[in-house]
N, C-alpha and C. Protein backbone atom coordinates (compact mmCIF):
# COMPACT_ATOMS: atom_id res chain seq x y z
N MET A 1 6.04 -13.19 42.04
CA MET A 1 5.16 -13.60 40.96
C MET A 1 5.97 -13.82 39.70
N SER A 2 5.72 -14.90 39.01
CA SER A 2 6.45 -15.20 37.78
C SER A 2 5.75 -14.55 36.59
N ALA A 3 6.50 -14.43 35.52
CA ALA A 3 5.95 -13.85 34.28
C ALA A 3 4.92 -14.80 33.68
N PRO A 4 3.85 -14.25 33.07
CA PRO A 4 2.79 -15.10 32.51
C PRO A 4 3.14 -15.64 31.12
N ILE A 5 4.42 -15.88 30.88
CA ILE A 5 4.86 -16.32 29.55
C ILE A 5 5.15 -17.82 29.58
N ILE A 6 4.67 -18.50 28.56
CA ILE A 6 4.91 -19.94 28.41
C ILE A 6 5.76 -20.13 27.16
N TYR A 7 6.84 -20.90 27.29
CA TYR A 7 7.70 -21.20 26.14
C TYR A 7 7.44 -22.63 25.70
N ASN A 8 7.09 -22.79 24.43
CA ASN A 8 6.83 -24.11 23.86
C ASN A 8 8.11 -24.57 23.17
N THR A 9 8.77 -25.58 23.72
CA THR A 9 10.04 -26.05 23.16
C THR A 9 9.87 -26.73 21.81
N ALA A 10 8.70 -27.31 21.54
CA ALA A 10 8.47 -27.99 20.26
C ALA A 10 8.36 -26.97 19.12
N THR A 11 7.58 -25.91 19.34
CA THR A 11 7.39 -24.91 18.27
C THR A 11 8.35 -23.74 18.39
N LYS A 12 9.10 -23.69 19.51
CA LYS A 12 10.03 -22.60 19.78
C LYS A 12 9.33 -21.24 19.70
N SER A 13 8.19 -21.17 20.37
CA SER A 13 7.42 -19.93 20.40
C SER A 13 6.92 -19.68 21.81
N ILE A 14 6.53 -18.44 22.05
CA ILE A 14 6.01 -18.08 23.36
C ILE A 14 4.51 -17.81 23.27
N SER A 15 3.85 -17.95 24.40
CA SER A 15 2.43 -17.60 24.52
C SER A 15 2.20 -17.08 25.93
N ILE A 16 1.02 -16.57 26.14
CA ILE A 16 0.67 -16.02 27.45
C ILE A 16 -0.25 -17.00 28.17
N GLU A 17 -0.05 -17.15 29.48
CA GLU A 17 -0.92 -18.04 30.25
C GLU A 17 -2.37 -17.62 30.04
N PRO A 18 -3.26 -18.56 29.72
CA PRO A 18 -4.65 -18.22 29.38
C PRO A 18 -5.38 -17.37 30.43
N GLU A 19 -5.17 -17.66 31.71
CA GLU A 19 -5.90 -16.91 32.74
C GLU A 19 -5.39 -15.48 32.91
N LEU A 20 -4.18 -15.18 32.42
CA LEU A 20 -3.62 -13.83 32.54
C LEU A 20 -3.51 -13.12 31.18
N SER A 21 -4.01 -13.76 30.17
CA SER A 21 -3.87 -13.23 28.81
C SER A 21 -4.72 -11.97 28.59
N THR A 22 -4.15 -11.03 27.85
CA THR A 22 -4.88 -9.84 27.39
C THR A 22 -4.61 -9.72 25.90
N PRO A 23 -5.47 -9.04 25.16
CA PRO A 23 -5.21 -8.87 23.72
C PRO A 23 -3.87 -8.20 23.43
N GLU A 24 -3.48 -7.25 24.27
CA GLU A 24 -2.20 -6.56 24.05
C GLU A 24 -1.03 -7.52 24.22
N TRP A 25 -1.07 -8.35 25.28
CA TRP A 25 0.01 -9.30 25.51
C TRP A 25 0.05 -10.35 24.41
N GLU A 26 -1.10 -10.78 23.95
CA GLU A 26 -1.15 -11.76 22.85
C GLU A 26 -0.53 -11.16 21.59
N ALA A 27 -0.83 -9.90 21.29
CA ALA A 27 -0.26 -9.24 20.12
C ALA A 27 1.26 -9.11 20.26
N ASP A 28 1.72 -8.77 21.46
CA ASP A 28 3.17 -8.67 21.69
C ASP A 28 3.84 -10.02 21.52
N ALA A 29 3.23 -11.07 22.05
CA ALA A 29 3.80 -12.42 21.92
C ALA A 29 3.87 -12.82 20.44
N GLU A 30 2.82 -12.52 19.68
CA GLU A 30 2.81 -12.86 18.26
C GLU A 30 3.89 -12.09 17.50
N SER A 31 4.08 -10.82 17.85
CA SER A 31 5.15 -10.02 17.21
C SER A 31 6.52 -10.61 17.50
N ILE A 32 6.74 -11.02 18.74
CA ILE A 32 8.03 -11.63 19.10
C ILE A 32 8.20 -12.94 18.33
N ASN A 33 7.16 -13.75 18.26
CA ASN A 33 7.25 -15.01 17.52
C ASN A 33 7.55 -14.79 16.05
N LEU A 34 6.93 -13.79 15.43
CA LEU A 34 7.21 -13.48 14.03
C LEU A 34 8.67 -13.05 13.84
N MET A 35 9.15 -12.21 14.73
CA MET A 35 10.53 -11.75 14.64
C MET A 35 11.50 -12.92 14.79
N VAL A 36 11.24 -13.80 15.73
CA VAL A 36 12.11 -14.96 15.93
C VAL A 36 12.09 -15.86 14.69
N ARG A 37 10.90 -16.09 14.13
CA ARG A 37 10.83 -16.93 12.91
C ARG A 37 11.63 -16.30 11.77
N ASP A 38 11.55 -14.97 11.62
CA ASP A 38 12.32 -14.30 10.58
C ASP A 38 13.81 -14.43 10.83
N LEU A 39 14.24 -14.27 12.08
CA LEU A 39 15.66 -14.37 12.40
C LEU A 39 16.18 -15.79 12.17
N VAL A 40 15.40 -16.79 12.54
CA VAL A 40 15.81 -18.18 12.33
C VAL A 40 15.87 -18.49 10.84
N ALA A 41 14.89 -18.01 10.08
CA ALA A 41 14.86 -18.27 8.64
C ALA A 41 15.99 -17.57 7.89
N LEU A 42 16.54 -16.54 8.51
CA LEU A 42 17.62 -15.79 7.87
C LEU A 42 18.86 -16.66 7.65
N GLY A 43 19.12 -17.58 8.57
CA GLY A 43 20.24 -18.50 8.41
C GLY A 43 21.60 -17.91 8.69
N GLN A 44 21.68 -16.81 9.39
CA GLN A 44 22.96 -16.25 9.77
C GLN A 44 22.87 -15.78 11.22
N ASP A 45 24.02 -15.61 11.85
CA ASP A 45 24.04 -15.30 13.27
C ASP A 45 23.55 -13.89 13.59
N VAL A 46 23.85 -12.94 12.71
CA VAL A 46 23.50 -11.55 12.97
C VAL A 46 22.73 -11.02 11.75
N PRO A 47 21.56 -10.44 11.98
CA PRO A 47 20.83 -9.87 10.84
C PRO A 47 21.52 -8.63 10.32
N MET A 48 21.17 -8.23 9.09
CA MET A 48 21.75 -7.02 8.53
C MET A 48 21.27 -5.80 9.32
N ALA A 49 21.97 -4.70 9.17
CA ALA A 49 21.62 -3.48 9.89
C ALA A 49 20.21 -3.02 9.50
N ALA A 50 19.54 -2.33 10.42
CA ALA A 50 18.16 -1.89 10.19
C ALA A 50 18.05 -0.90 9.04
N ASN A 51 19.10 -0.13 8.79
CA ASN A 51 19.05 0.84 7.71
C ASN A 51 19.49 0.26 6.37
N ALA A 52 19.81 -1.02 6.35
CA ALA A 52 20.19 -1.69 5.10
C ALA A 52 18.94 -2.21 4.42
N CYS A 53 19.05 -2.38 3.12
CA CYS A 53 17.92 -2.84 2.32
C CYS A 53 18.27 -4.19 1.72
N ASN A 54 17.36 -5.14 1.82
CA ASN A 54 17.58 -6.46 1.25
C ASN A 54 17.49 -6.35 -0.27
N GLY A 55 18.63 -6.46 -0.93
CA GLY A 55 18.70 -6.30 -2.37
C GLY A 55 17.89 -7.31 -3.15
N LYS A 56 17.79 -8.53 -2.64
CA LYS A 56 17.03 -9.57 -3.34
C LYS A 56 15.55 -9.22 -3.39
N ILE A 57 15.02 -8.72 -2.29
CA ILE A 57 13.61 -8.34 -2.25
C ILE A 57 13.37 -7.15 -3.16
N THR A 58 14.26 -6.16 -3.12
CA THR A 58 14.12 -4.98 -3.96
C THR A 58 14.16 -5.36 -5.44
N GLU A 59 15.08 -6.24 -5.80
CA GLU A 59 15.21 -6.67 -7.19
C GLU A 59 13.96 -7.44 -7.64
N ALA A 60 13.47 -8.35 -6.80
CA ALA A 60 12.26 -9.10 -7.15
C ALA A 60 11.06 -8.17 -7.28
N PHE A 61 10.95 -7.19 -6.39
CA PHE A 61 9.86 -6.22 -6.46
C PHE A 61 9.91 -5.44 -7.77
N LYS A 62 11.10 -4.94 -8.13
CA LYS A 62 11.23 -4.15 -9.35
C LYS A 62 10.89 -4.97 -10.59
N LYS A 63 11.34 -6.21 -10.63
CA LYS A 63 11.04 -7.07 -11.77
C LYS A 63 9.54 -7.32 -11.90
N MET A 64 8.88 -7.58 -10.78
CA MET A 64 7.45 -7.85 -10.80
C MET A 64 6.67 -6.60 -11.21
N LEU A 65 7.05 -5.44 -10.68
CA LEU A 65 6.37 -4.20 -11.04
C LEU A 65 6.62 -3.84 -12.50
N ASP A 66 7.84 -4.06 -12.99
CA ASP A 66 8.13 -3.81 -14.41
C ASP A 66 7.30 -4.73 -15.31
N SER A 67 7.11 -5.97 -14.90
CA SER A 67 6.27 -6.89 -15.66
C SER A 67 4.82 -6.42 -15.67
N ALA A 68 4.35 -5.92 -14.54
CA ALA A 68 2.99 -5.39 -14.46
C ALA A 68 2.82 -4.18 -15.37
N ILE A 69 3.81 -3.31 -15.38
CA ILE A 69 3.75 -2.12 -16.24
C ILE A 69 3.74 -2.53 -17.71
N ALA A 70 4.52 -3.54 -18.08
CA ALA A 70 4.54 -4.02 -19.46
C ALA A 70 3.16 -4.56 -19.87
N GLU A 71 2.50 -5.27 -18.97
CA GLU A 71 1.15 -5.78 -19.26
C GLU A 71 0.15 -4.63 -19.38
N TYR A 72 0.31 -3.62 -18.57
CA TYR A 72 -0.57 -2.45 -18.62
C TYR A 72 -0.44 -1.74 -19.98
N LYS A 73 0.79 -1.61 -20.44
CA LYS A 73 1.03 -0.95 -21.73
C LYS A 73 0.43 -1.73 -22.89
N LYS A 74 0.25 -3.04 -22.71
CA LYS A 74 -0.38 -3.88 -23.73
C LYS A 74 -1.89 -3.97 -23.52
N SER A 75 -2.41 -3.18 -22.59
CA SER A 75 -3.85 -3.16 -22.24
C SER A 75 -4.35 -4.50 -21.72
N ARG A 76 -3.48 -5.25 -21.12
CA ARG A 76 -3.85 -6.51 -20.46
C ARG A 76 -4.05 -6.21 -18.97
N TYR A 77 -5.17 -5.56 -18.66
CA TYR A 77 -5.39 -5.06 -17.32
C TYR A 77 -5.49 -6.15 -16.25
N PRO A 78 -6.22 -7.24 -16.48
CA PRO A 78 -6.27 -8.27 -15.43
C PRO A 78 -4.88 -8.84 -15.08
N ASP A 79 -4.05 -9.04 -16.10
CA ASP A 79 -2.69 -9.53 -15.85
C ASP A 79 -1.85 -8.48 -15.11
N ALA A 80 -2.04 -7.21 -15.47
CA ALA A 80 -1.31 -6.13 -14.80
C ALA A 80 -1.70 -6.07 -13.33
N ILE A 81 -2.99 -6.23 -13.05
CA ILE A 81 -3.46 -6.21 -11.65
C ILE A 81 -2.90 -7.40 -10.88
N ARG A 82 -2.92 -8.57 -11.50
CA ARG A 82 -2.40 -9.78 -10.85
C ARG A 82 -0.91 -9.61 -10.51
N LEU A 83 -0.14 -9.09 -11.46
CA LEU A 83 1.30 -8.88 -11.22
C LEU A 83 1.55 -7.77 -10.20
N ALA A 84 0.71 -6.74 -10.20
CA ALA A 84 0.84 -5.68 -9.20
C ALA A 84 0.56 -6.23 -7.81
N ASN A 85 -0.42 -7.11 -7.71
CA ASN A 85 -0.70 -7.73 -6.40
C ASN A 85 0.46 -8.60 -5.94
N LEU A 86 1.10 -9.29 -6.88
CA LEU A 86 2.28 -10.08 -6.52
C LEU A 86 3.42 -9.17 -6.06
N ALA A 87 3.60 -8.03 -6.75
CA ALA A 87 4.63 -7.07 -6.34
C ALA A 87 4.33 -6.52 -4.95
N LEU A 88 3.06 -6.28 -4.66
CA LEU A 88 2.67 -5.81 -3.33
C LEU A 88 3.01 -6.86 -2.28
N GLY A 89 2.76 -8.12 -2.60
CA GLY A 89 3.10 -9.21 -1.68
C GLY A 89 4.59 -9.28 -1.41
N ILE A 90 5.39 -9.03 -2.43
CA ILE A 90 6.85 -9.02 -2.25
C ILE A 90 7.27 -7.85 -1.36
N ALA A 91 6.66 -6.69 -1.58
CA ALA A 91 7.03 -5.49 -0.81
C ALA A 91 6.74 -5.67 0.68
N VAL A 92 5.64 -6.29 1.01
CA VAL A 92 5.30 -6.43 2.43
C VAL A 92 6.03 -7.60 3.10
N ARG A 93 6.79 -8.36 2.32
CA ARG A 93 7.54 -9.49 2.88
C ARG A 93 8.91 -9.09 3.41
N ARG A 94 9.21 -7.81 3.45
CA ARG A 94 10.50 -7.38 3.97
C ARG A 94 10.64 -7.81 5.42
N TYR A 95 11.88 -8.00 5.83
CA TYR A 95 12.13 -8.37 7.22
C TYR A 95 11.66 -7.26 8.15
N ARG A 96 11.18 -7.64 9.29
CA ARG A 96 10.58 -6.69 10.21
C ARG A 96 11.58 -5.71 10.82
N TRP A 97 12.85 -5.98 10.74
CA TRP A 97 13.82 -5.06 11.30
C TRP A 97 14.37 -4.09 10.25
N GLU A 98 13.97 -4.27 9.00
CA GLU A 98 14.38 -3.31 7.97
C GLU A 98 13.62 -2.01 8.14
N SER A 99 14.20 -0.95 7.63
CA SER A 99 13.56 0.35 7.72
C SER A 99 12.20 0.31 7.02
N PHE A 100 11.17 0.83 7.68
CA PHE A 100 9.83 0.81 7.11
C PHE A 100 9.74 1.75 5.90
N GLY A 101 10.68 2.66 5.78
CA GLY A 101 10.68 3.58 4.63
C GLY A 101 10.74 2.85 3.30
N TYR A 102 11.55 1.79 3.22
CA TYR A 102 11.62 1.01 1.98
C TYR A 102 10.27 0.39 1.66
N THR A 103 9.68 -0.22 2.66
CA THR A 103 8.39 -0.89 2.47
C THR A 103 7.32 0.11 2.07
N LEU A 104 7.26 1.23 2.76
CA LEU A 104 6.23 2.23 2.47
C LEU A 104 6.39 2.79 1.06
N SER A 105 7.62 3.02 0.65
CA SER A 105 7.87 3.54 -0.69
C SER A 105 7.40 2.54 -1.76
N GLU A 106 7.74 1.28 -1.59
CA GLU A 106 7.35 0.27 -2.56
C GLU A 106 5.83 0.05 -2.56
N ILE A 107 5.23 0.05 -1.39
CA ILE A 107 3.78 -0.11 -1.31
C ILE A 107 3.09 1.06 -2.01
N GLY A 108 3.58 2.27 -1.79
CA GLY A 108 3.01 3.45 -2.45
C GLY A 108 3.11 3.35 -3.97
N GLN A 109 4.24 2.90 -4.46
CA GLN A 109 4.43 2.75 -5.92
C GLN A 109 3.44 1.77 -6.51
N VAL A 110 3.33 0.61 -5.89
CA VAL A 110 2.50 -0.45 -6.47
C VAL A 110 1.01 -0.13 -6.34
N ILE A 111 0.60 0.48 -5.24
CA ILE A 111 -0.82 0.81 -5.09
C ILE A 111 -1.19 1.95 -6.04
N SER A 112 -0.30 2.91 -6.24
CA SER A 112 -0.55 3.97 -7.22
C SER A 112 -0.73 3.38 -8.62
N PHE A 113 0.17 2.49 -8.96
CA PHE A 113 0.07 1.85 -10.28
C PHE A 113 -1.20 1.04 -10.39
N ARG A 114 -1.50 0.24 -9.36
CA ARG A 114 -2.70 -0.60 -9.41
C ARG A 114 -3.96 0.25 -9.51
N CYS A 115 -3.99 1.38 -8.83
CA CYS A 115 -5.12 2.30 -8.92
C CYS A 115 -5.29 2.80 -10.35
N ASP A 116 -4.18 3.15 -11.00
CA ASP A 116 -4.25 3.60 -12.39
C ASP A 116 -4.77 2.50 -13.32
N VAL A 117 -4.39 1.26 -13.05
CA VAL A 117 -4.89 0.14 -13.86
C VAL A 117 -6.39 -0.02 -13.64
N TYR A 118 -6.82 0.04 -12.39
CA TYR A 118 -8.26 -0.05 -12.11
C TYR A 118 -9.02 1.06 -12.82
N LEU A 119 -8.48 2.27 -12.81
CA LEU A 119 -9.14 3.39 -13.50
C LEU A 119 -9.23 3.12 -15.00
N ALA A 120 -8.14 2.64 -15.57
CA ALA A 120 -8.14 2.35 -17.01
C ALA A 120 -9.12 1.25 -17.36
N ASN A 121 -9.36 0.34 -16.43
CA ASN A 121 -10.25 -0.80 -16.67
C ASN A 121 -11.67 -0.53 -16.15
N SER A 122 -11.95 0.71 -15.77
CA SER A 122 -13.28 1.12 -15.27
C SER A 122 -13.74 0.32 -14.05
N GLN A 123 -12.82 -0.06 -13.20
CA GLN A 123 -13.13 -0.74 -11.95
C GLN A 123 -13.13 0.33 -10.85
N TRP A 124 -14.23 1.08 -10.79
CA TRP A 124 -14.29 2.28 -9.96
C TRP A 124 -14.18 1.97 -8.47
N ALA A 125 -14.86 0.94 -8.00
CA ALA A 125 -14.83 0.63 -6.57
C ALA A 125 -13.41 0.28 -6.11
N GLU A 126 -12.73 -0.56 -6.88
CA GLU A 126 -11.37 -0.95 -6.54
C GLU A 126 -10.42 0.25 -6.62
N ALA A 127 -10.60 1.07 -7.66
CA ALA A 127 -9.76 2.26 -7.82
C ALA A 127 -9.99 3.22 -6.67
N PHE A 128 -11.26 3.37 -6.26
CA PHE A 128 -11.57 4.27 -5.15
C PHE A 128 -10.93 3.78 -3.85
N ALA A 129 -10.96 2.48 -3.62
CA ALA A 129 -10.34 1.93 -2.40
C ALA A 129 -8.85 2.25 -2.37
N ASP A 130 -8.17 2.04 -3.51
CA ASP A 130 -6.73 2.34 -3.57
C ASP A 130 -6.48 3.84 -3.46
N ALA A 131 -7.28 4.65 -4.16
CA ALA A 131 -7.08 6.11 -4.13
C ALA A 131 -7.33 6.66 -2.73
N SER A 132 -8.33 6.13 -2.04
CA SER A 132 -8.61 6.59 -0.67
C SER A 132 -7.45 6.24 0.25
N LEU A 133 -6.94 5.03 0.12
CA LEU A 133 -5.80 4.62 0.93
C LEU A 133 -4.59 5.51 0.65
N LEU A 134 -4.32 5.76 -0.63
CA LEU A 134 -3.18 6.59 -1.00
C LEU A 134 -3.32 8.01 -0.47
N SER A 135 -4.52 8.58 -0.56
CA SER A 135 -4.69 9.96 -0.10
C SER A 135 -4.57 10.06 1.42
N LEU A 136 -4.78 8.95 2.14
CA LEU A 136 -4.58 8.95 3.59
C LEU A 136 -3.11 8.73 3.95
N VAL A 137 -2.46 7.79 3.27
CA VAL A 137 -1.09 7.43 3.60
C VAL A 137 -0.09 8.45 3.05
N ILE A 138 -0.35 8.94 1.85
CA ILE A 138 0.54 9.92 1.21
C ILE A 138 -0.31 11.14 0.83
N PRO A 139 -0.72 11.93 1.82
CA PRO A 139 -1.67 13.02 1.56
C PRO A 139 -1.10 14.20 0.80
N ASN A 140 0.21 14.32 0.73
CA ASN A 140 0.81 15.46 0.04
C ASN A 140 1.09 15.19 -1.43
N SER A 141 0.45 14.18 -1.99
CA SER A 141 0.58 13.89 -3.42
C SER A 141 -0.71 14.31 -4.13
N ALA A 142 -0.59 15.29 -5.01
CA ALA A 142 -1.76 15.79 -5.73
C ALA A 142 -2.39 14.69 -6.59
N LEU A 143 -1.57 13.79 -7.12
CA LEU A 143 -2.11 12.74 -7.99
C LEU A 143 -3.02 11.78 -7.23
N ASN A 144 -2.75 11.57 -5.96
CA ASN A 144 -3.62 10.69 -5.17
C ASN A 144 -5.02 11.29 -5.04
N HIS A 145 -5.11 12.59 -4.83
CA HIS A 145 -6.41 13.25 -4.75
C HIS A 145 -7.06 13.30 -6.13
N PHE A 146 -6.25 13.44 -7.17
CA PHE A 146 -6.77 13.42 -8.54
C PHE A 146 -7.40 12.07 -8.86
N ARG A 147 -6.72 10.99 -8.47
CA ARG A 147 -7.26 9.65 -8.70
C ARG A 147 -8.59 9.47 -7.99
N LYS A 148 -8.65 9.93 -6.76
CA LYS A 148 -9.89 9.83 -5.99
C LYS A 148 -11.00 10.64 -6.66
N GLY A 149 -10.66 11.82 -7.14
CA GLY A 149 -11.62 12.66 -7.85
C GLY A 149 -12.13 11.99 -9.12
N GLN A 150 -11.25 11.30 -9.83
CA GLN A 150 -11.68 10.59 -11.04
C GLN A 150 -12.72 9.52 -10.70
N CYS A 151 -12.51 8.84 -9.60
CA CYS A 151 -13.48 7.81 -9.18
C CYS A 151 -14.83 8.44 -8.87
N TYR A 152 -14.81 9.53 -8.13
CA TYR A 152 -16.06 10.20 -7.81
C TYR A 152 -16.76 10.69 -9.08
N GLN A 153 -15.96 11.25 -9.99
CA GLN A 153 -16.54 11.76 -11.23
C GLN A 153 -17.14 10.63 -12.05
N ALA A 154 -16.52 9.48 -12.06
CA ALA A 154 -17.01 8.35 -12.84
C ALA A 154 -18.36 7.86 -12.34
N ILE A 155 -18.61 7.98 -11.03
CA ILE A 155 -19.91 7.54 -10.49
C ILE A 155 -20.86 8.73 -10.33
N ASN A 156 -20.48 9.87 -10.92
CA ASN A 156 -21.32 11.06 -10.99
C ASN A 156 -21.53 11.75 -9.63
N ASN A 157 -20.58 11.62 -8.73
CA ASN A 157 -20.60 12.37 -7.48
C ASN A 157 -19.70 13.59 -7.71
N LEU A 158 -20.27 14.58 -8.38
CA LEU A 158 -19.48 15.71 -8.87
C LEU A 158 -19.00 16.63 -7.76
N VAL A 159 -19.77 16.79 -6.70
CA VAL A 159 -19.36 17.66 -5.60
C VAL A 159 -18.11 17.08 -4.92
N ALA A 160 -18.12 15.78 -4.66
CA ALA A 160 -16.95 15.14 -4.03
C ALA A 160 -15.75 15.18 -4.98
N ALA A 161 -16.00 14.99 -6.28
CA ALA A 161 -14.91 15.05 -7.26
C ALA A 161 -14.29 16.45 -7.25
N LYS A 162 -15.14 17.46 -7.21
CA LYS A 162 -14.64 18.84 -7.19
C LYS A 162 -13.76 19.08 -5.97
N GLN A 163 -14.19 18.58 -4.80
CA GLN A 163 -13.40 18.74 -3.58
C GLN A 163 -12.03 18.06 -3.70
N CYS A 164 -12.02 16.87 -4.29
CA CYS A 164 -10.74 16.16 -4.46
C CYS A 164 -9.82 16.91 -5.41
N TYR A 165 -10.38 17.42 -6.52
CA TYR A 165 -9.56 18.18 -7.47
C TYR A 165 -9.03 19.46 -6.83
N GLN A 166 -9.86 20.13 -6.04
CA GLN A 166 -9.41 21.35 -5.36
C GLN A 166 -8.29 21.03 -4.36
N THR A 167 -8.43 19.93 -3.65
CA THR A 167 -7.37 19.52 -2.72
C THR A 167 -6.08 19.25 -3.49
N GLY A 168 -6.19 18.57 -4.62
CA GLY A 168 -5.01 18.31 -5.45
C GLY A 168 -4.35 19.58 -5.93
N LEU A 169 -5.18 20.57 -6.28
CA LEU A 169 -4.61 21.84 -6.77
C LEU A 169 -3.98 22.66 -5.65
N THR A 170 -4.39 22.47 -4.41
CA THR A 170 -3.71 23.16 -3.31
C THR A 170 -2.29 22.63 -3.12
N ILE A 171 -2.08 21.38 -3.55
CA ILE A 171 -0.76 20.77 -3.42
C ILE A 171 0.09 21.07 -4.65
N ALA A 172 -0.51 20.99 -5.83
CA ALA A 172 0.21 21.22 -7.09
C ALA A 172 -0.64 22.16 -7.95
N SER A 173 -0.51 23.44 -7.71
CA SER A 173 -1.37 24.42 -8.39
C SER A 173 -1.12 24.53 -9.89
N ASP A 174 -0.01 24.01 -10.37
CA ASP A 174 0.31 24.12 -11.79
C ASP A 174 -0.02 22.85 -12.58
N ASN A 175 -0.71 21.89 -11.97
CA ASN A 175 -1.02 20.62 -12.65
C ASN A 175 -2.18 20.84 -13.62
N GLU A 176 -1.88 20.80 -14.89
CA GLU A 176 -2.87 21.08 -15.93
C GLU A 176 -3.96 20.01 -16.01
N GLN A 177 -3.59 18.77 -15.75
CA GLN A 177 -4.56 17.67 -15.81
C GLN A 177 -5.63 17.85 -14.73
N ILE A 178 -5.23 18.23 -13.54
CA ILE A 178 -6.19 18.44 -12.46
C ILE A 178 -7.04 19.69 -12.75
N LYS A 179 -6.40 20.74 -13.28
CA LYS A 179 -7.16 21.94 -13.64
C LYS A 179 -8.23 21.63 -14.67
N ALA A 180 -7.86 20.85 -15.69
CA ALA A 180 -8.83 20.50 -16.74
C ALA A 180 -9.98 19.68 -16.17
N SER A 181 -9.68 18.76 -15.28
CA SER A 181 -10.74 17.95 -14.66
C SER A 181 -11.64 18.80 -13.79
N LEU A 182 -11.07 19.75 -13.07
CA LEU A 182 -11.87 20.64 -12.23
C LEU A 182 -12.79 21.50 -13.10
N ASP A 183 -12.26 22.03 -14.22
CA ASP A 183 -13.07 22.82 -15.13
C ASP A 183 -14.22 21.98 -15.70
N GLU A 184 -13.92 20.72 -16.02
CA GLU A 184 -14.95 19.82 -16.56
C GLU A 184 -16.05 19.58 -15.52
N VAL A 185 -15.66 19.33 -14.27
CA VAL A 185 -16.64 19.11 -13.21
C VAL A 185 -17.46 20.37 -12.95
N ASN A 186 -16.81 21.53 -12.95
CA ASN A 186 -17.54 22.79 -12.75
C ASN A 186 -18.58 23.00 -13.85
N ALA A 187 -18.20 22.69 -15.09
CA ALA A 187 -19.14 22.82 -16.20
C ALA A 187 -20.33 21.87 -16.03
N LEU A 188 -20.05 20.65 -15.59
CA LEU A 188 -21.13 19.68 -15.36
C LEU A 188 -22.03 20.12 -14.21
N LEU A 189 -21.46 20.71 -13.18
CA LEU A 189 -22.25 21.17 -12.04
C LEU A 189 -23.15 22.34 -12.42
N GLU A 190 -22.70 23.18 -13.34
CA GLU A 190 -23.53 24.30 -13.80
C GLU A 190 -24.78 23.80 -14.53
N LYS A 191 -24.67 22.68 -15.21
CA LYS A 191 -25.80 22.12 -15.95
C LYS A 191 -26.85 21.50 -15.04
N VAL A 192 -26.42 21.14 -13.83
CA VAL A 192 -27.34 20.47 -12.90
C VAL A 192 -28.26 21.45 -12.21
């Protein structure tokens, strides 16, 4: 029996024979095609080592994030969000053979920043989406739980806010900002 793989010489890509196709095989074929496209676009015979970092992407990411931070400091929140989204796009454009640690670190930085901008601009739903993602991906960061708690507190879900602040304090028991927010929520809950 032959392999159910079809090679298209015009597009230089592979696919699975339709009658034998499964979602898993289709996903594998697409991953291989993406990797091949990246290798061809690289323009050199051998890609850089997997533990190496593409300096051009890192530099472009840092410049874009620095520009977003500058806009945030000027209270130009929509521009800061737009630039943060561009920085996120740069971070996820890393080559697929590079260490995922670089990508994850940059994504964490930009989503944390974007969440803070959303909070400053009172965009609670967007901030909550980013804070929830951060608390799942980087659960050992007290600030991620604090951000999520701020979102809950802003929409008056005080019990959930209290839980987030308590989780943050289990990670960083000396964080005064989280302690103050927890005290504020406890005081509000007593009034209810």
